[in-house]
Amino acid sequence: RGLASAQTKLGLIYAHDHMVPMDLATSVYWLQKAAAQGDTDGENSLALSYLEGRGVEQDYSQAIIWFRRAANGGSADAQTSLGVMYLEGLGVPRDYFTAMDWFFKAAAQGHANAEYNLGIMYAYGIGVARQDGKARRWLSRAAARRHRLAQHELEGLLQRRAEFRRRYPLPDLRRVKRNLYG
C-alpha cells in the first residue's frame, strides 16, 4: 500500500527528470497508487497527466474525474484547474457559473490563478456582467501575490479607468448644487 505522499513525490520525480531519468509511465504508476489512496496532490498530478497526455493517453474525462476528487478534497490547484476545464469546455460542457464557483473556492484559499481568472471574468464580462470594481479587486489580490498577468491586466484596467475619467469627468457637485439651489 505505501505512504501516499511519498508515492506522489516519487511520481513527480519521474515526471520531471529530478535525480532519475524521466520516465512518464513510471510517474503515472506512482501517481495512480497515491491517487487511489486519496492523496489530493497525487490526484491533482494524475489529472494533469491525463489533461496533458503525459505518460497516458490524453483524456479530458479522466482529468475531470481526478481534478474533481482533488478539488473536493480541498486542493486549490485542482479547484482552479477544474474551473478552467469548465471555463474552456474541456471534457465538460462550457459552464461559466460552475467555473466561477470553483474559482471562488480556490480564491478563498488565496490561489493567485483563481483570483486572476475571476478578475478576467469580471473585467471582460465572461459569464457575468462586466464589473470593473470586482475585476480590480480580484486582479489586485492576484497581483499582490506577484501574478504577472494579473499585474499587467490591472495596469491596463486602471489606465482604461483613468482615460474614461479624463474623457468623461464627473461634474463638480458644488457647482451643480449651486446651480440647482442658488
Protein backbone atom coordinates (compact mmCIF):
# COMPACT_ATOMS: atom_id res chain seq x y z
CA ARG A 1 0.00 0.00 0.00
CA GLY A 2 2.60 2.56 0.98
CA LEU A 3 2.68 6.16 2.05
CA ALA A 4 0.60 8.13 -0.47
CA SER A 5 2.53 11.41 -0.17
CA ALA A 6 5.81 9.59 -0.83
CA GLN A 7 4.25 7.88 -3.85
CA THR A 8 3.17 11.28 -5.17
CA LYS A 9 6.68 12.69 -4.71
CA LEU A 10 8.18 9.67 -6.44
CA GLY A 11 5.74 10.11 -9.34
CA LEU A 12 6.73 13.76 -9.65
CA ILE A 13 10.43 12.89 -9.56
CA TYR A 14 9.95 10.55 -12.54
CA ALA A 15 7.80 13.13 -14.34
CA HIS A 16 10.31 15.96 -14.10
CA ASP A 17 13.69 14.31 -14.55
CA HIS A 18 14.84 15.02 -10.98
CA MET A 19 17.54 12.67 -9.69
CA VAL A 20 16.41 9.89 -12.07
CA PRO A 21 15.89 9.78 -15.83
CA MET A 22 12.42 10.93 -16.86
CA ASP A 23 10.01 8.02 -17.16
CA LEU A 24 6.41 9.15 -17.61
CA ALA A 25 4.92 5.65 -17.44
CA THR A 26 6.58 5.08 -14.05
CA SER A 27 5.46 8.54 -12.98
CA VAL A 28 1.83 7.71 -13.74
CA TYR A 29 2.17 4.34 -11.98
CA TRP A 30 3.17 6.06 -8.71
CA LEU A 31 0.63 8.85 -9.11
CA GLN A 32 -2.15 6.28 -9.61
CA LYS A 33 -1.09 4.49 -6.42
CA ALA A 34 -1.13 7.76 -4.46
CA ALA A 35 -4.42 8.92 -6.00
CA ALA A 36 -6.09 5.58 -5.22
CA GLN A 37 -5.33 6.29 -1.54
CA GLY A 38 -6.94 9.72 -1.70
CA ASP A 39 -3.78 11.84 -1.73
CA THR A 40 -5.01 15.16 -3.19
CA ASP A 41 -1.58 16.07 -4.60
CA GLY A 42 -1.46 12.66 -6.28
CA GLU A 43 -4.99 13.08 -7.63
CA ASN A 44 -4.19 16.56 -8.95
CA SER A 45 -0.92 15.42 -10.55
CA LEU A 46 -2.62 12.41 -12.12
CA ALA A 47 -5.32 14.71 -13.51
CA LEU A 48 -2.61 16.90 -15.04
CA SER A 49 -1.08 13.80 -16.65
CA TYR A 50 -4.43 12.99 -18.27
CA LEU A 51 -5.00 16.62 -19.25
CA GLU A 52 -1.61 16.92 -20.95
CA GLY A 53 -1.30 13.32 -22.17
CA ARG A 54 1.95 12.80 -20.23
CA GLY A 55 2.55 9.10 -19.61
CA VAL A 56 -1.04 8.28 -20.54
CA GLU A 57 -3.35 8.91 -23.46
CA GLN A 58 -4.80 12.42 -23.22
CA ASP A 59 -8.25 12.01 -21.70
CA TYR A 60 -10.22 15.05 -20.53
CA SER A 61 -12.92 12.94 -18.88
CA GLN A 62 -10.31 11.21 -16.69
CA ALA A 63 -8.71 14.58 -15.96
CA ILE A 64 -12.11 15.87 -14.79
CA ILE A 65 -12.63 12.84 -12.53
CA TRP A 66 -9.25 13.25 -10.81
CA PHE A 67 -9.42 17.05 -10.62
CA ARG A 68 -12.87 16.77 -9.04
CA ARG A 69 -11.62 14.28 -6.42
CA ALA A 70 -8.70 16.50 -5.51
CA ALA A 71 -10.87 19.64 -5.59
CA ASN A 72 -13.43 18.07 -3.28
CA GLY A 73 -10.52 17.17 -1.01
CA GLY A 74 -9.65 20.87 -0.76
CA SER A 75 -6.85 21.23 -3.33
CA ALA A 76 -6.85 24.85 -4.52
CA ASP A 77 -4.74 23.85 -7.54
CA ALA A 78 -7.33 21.26 -8.55
CA GLN A 79 -10.21 23.66 -7.90
CA THR A 80 -8.57 26.19 -10.21
CA SER A 81 -7.85 23.58 -12.88
CA LEU A 82 -11.42 22.31 -12.70
CA GLY A 83 -12.63 25.89 -13.08
CA VAL A 84 -10.51 26.25 -16.22
CA MET A 85 -11.93 22.99 -17.60
CA TYR A 86 -15.46 24.38 -17.20
CA LEU A 87 -14.45 27.82 -18.49
CA GLU A 88 -12.94 26.32 -21.65
CA GLY A 89 -15.38 23.43 -22.05
CA LEU A 90 -12.66 20.75 -21.88
CA GLY A 91 -14.24 17.36 -21.18
CA VAL A 92 -17.40 19.05 -19.89
CA PRO A 93 -19.92 21.45 -21.39
CA ARG A 94 -18.77 25.06 -21.05
CA ASP A 95 -20.33 26.40 -17.86
CA TYR A 96 -19.25 29.82 -16.62
CA PHE A 97 -21.26 29.59 -13.40
CA THR A 98 -19.57 26.33 -12.38
CA ALA A 99 -16.17 27.69 -13.43
CA MET A 100 -16.66 30.73 -11.18
CA ASP A 101 -17.82 28.53 -8.32
CA TRP A 102 -14.56 26.54 -8.45
CA PHE A 103 -12.51 29.73 -8.82
CA PHE A 104 -14.22 31.22 -5.75
CA LYS A 105 -13.38 28.11 -3.71
CA ALA A 106 -9.72 28.28 -4.72
CA ALA A 107 -9.55 32.05 -4.28
CA ALA A 108 -10.86 31.65 -0.73
CA GLN A 109 -7.62 29.74 -0.10
CA GLY A 110 -5.51 32.53 -1.64
CA HIS A 111 -4.85 30.87 -5.01
CA ALA A 112 -3.47 33.60 -7.30
CA ASN A 113 -4.51 31.93 -10.58
CA ALA A 114 -8.09 31.59 -9.35
CA GLU A 115 -8.11 35.25 -8.29
CA TYR A 116 -6.71 36.21 -11.71
CA ASN A 117 -9.36 34.16 -13.53
CA LEU A 118 -12.14 35.79 -11.50
CA GLY A 119 -10.67 39.21 -12.30
CA ILE A 120 -10.61 38.42 -16.01
CA MET A 121 -14.18 37.13 -15.98
CA TYR A 122 -15.39 40.35 -14.33
CA ALA A 123 -13.15 42.62 -16.44
CA TYR A 124 -14.42 41.23 -19.74
CA GLY A 125 -17.92 40.15 -18.75
CA ILE A 126 -17.31 36.43 -19.26
CA GLY A 127 -20.38 34.69 -17.87
CA VAL A 128 -21.21 37.71 -15.69
CA ALA A 129 -22.00 41.36 -16.17
CA ARG A 130 -18.83 43.37 -16.64
CA GLN A 131 -17.90 44.89 -13.29
CA ASP A 132 -14.69 46.86 -13.16
CA GLY A 133 -14.78 47.19 -9.36
CA LYS A 134 -14.88 43.43 -8.83
CA ALA A 135 -12.33 42.92 -11.59
CA ARG A 136 -9.99 45.39 -9.91
CA ARG A 137 -10.46 43.71 -6.52
CA TRP A 138 -9.64 40.20 -7.78
CA LEU A 139 -6.80 41.31 -10.03
CA SER A 140 -5.32 43.34 -7.15
CA ARG A 141 -5.34 40.27 -4.92
CA ALA A 142 -3.59 38.17 -7.56
CA ALA A 143 -1.16 40.98 -8.37
CA ALA A 144 -0.26 41.26 -4.68
CA ARG A 145 0.79 37.60 -4.90
CA ARG A 146 3.12 38.56 -7.76
CA HIS A 147 0.95 37.09 -10.51
CA ARG A 148 2.49 38.77 -13.57
CA LEU A 149 -0.56 38.55 -15.85
CA ALA A 150 -2.75 40.00 -13.10
CA GLN A 151 -0.30 42.87 -12.67
CA HIS A 152 -0.44 43.57 -16.41
CA GLU A 153 -4.26 43.34 -16.58
CA LEU A 154 -4.64 45.52 -13.51
CA GLU A 155 -2.40 48.17 -15.03
CA GLY A 156 -4.49 48.12 -18.21
CA LEU A 157 -7.74 48.29 -16.24
CA LEU A 158 -6.51 51.29 -14.26
CA GLN A 159 -5.33 53.03 -17.44
CA ARG A 160 -8.74 52.49 -19.09
CA ARG A 161 -10.42 53.88 -15.98
CA ALA A 162 -8.18 56.96 -15.96
CA GLU A 163 -8.81 57.52 -19.69
CA PHE A 164 -12.56 57.22 -19.17
CA ARG A 165 -12.46 59.75 -16.31
CA ARG A 166 -10.37 62.09 -18.42
CA ARG A 167 -12.84 61.90 -21.31
CA TYR A 168 -15.97 61.99 -19.15
CA PRO A 169 -15.15 63.91 -15.99
CA LEU A 170 -17.64 63.85 -13.16
CA PRO A 171 -19.41 67.15 -12.65
CA ASP A 172 -18.34 69.36 -9.79
CA LEU A 173 -21.13 68.65 -7.30
CA ARG A 174 -20.67 72.01 -5.58
CA ARG A 175 -21.35 73.81 -8.84
CA VAL A 176 -24.35 71.60 -9.62
CA LYS A 177 -25.76 72.23 -6.14
CA ARG A 178 -25.21 75.98 -6.52
CA ASN A 179 -27.00 75.99 -9.90
CA LEU A 180 -29.92 73.99 -8.54
CA TYR A 181 -30.42 75.73 -5.23
CA GLY A 182 -28.93 79.15 -5.84
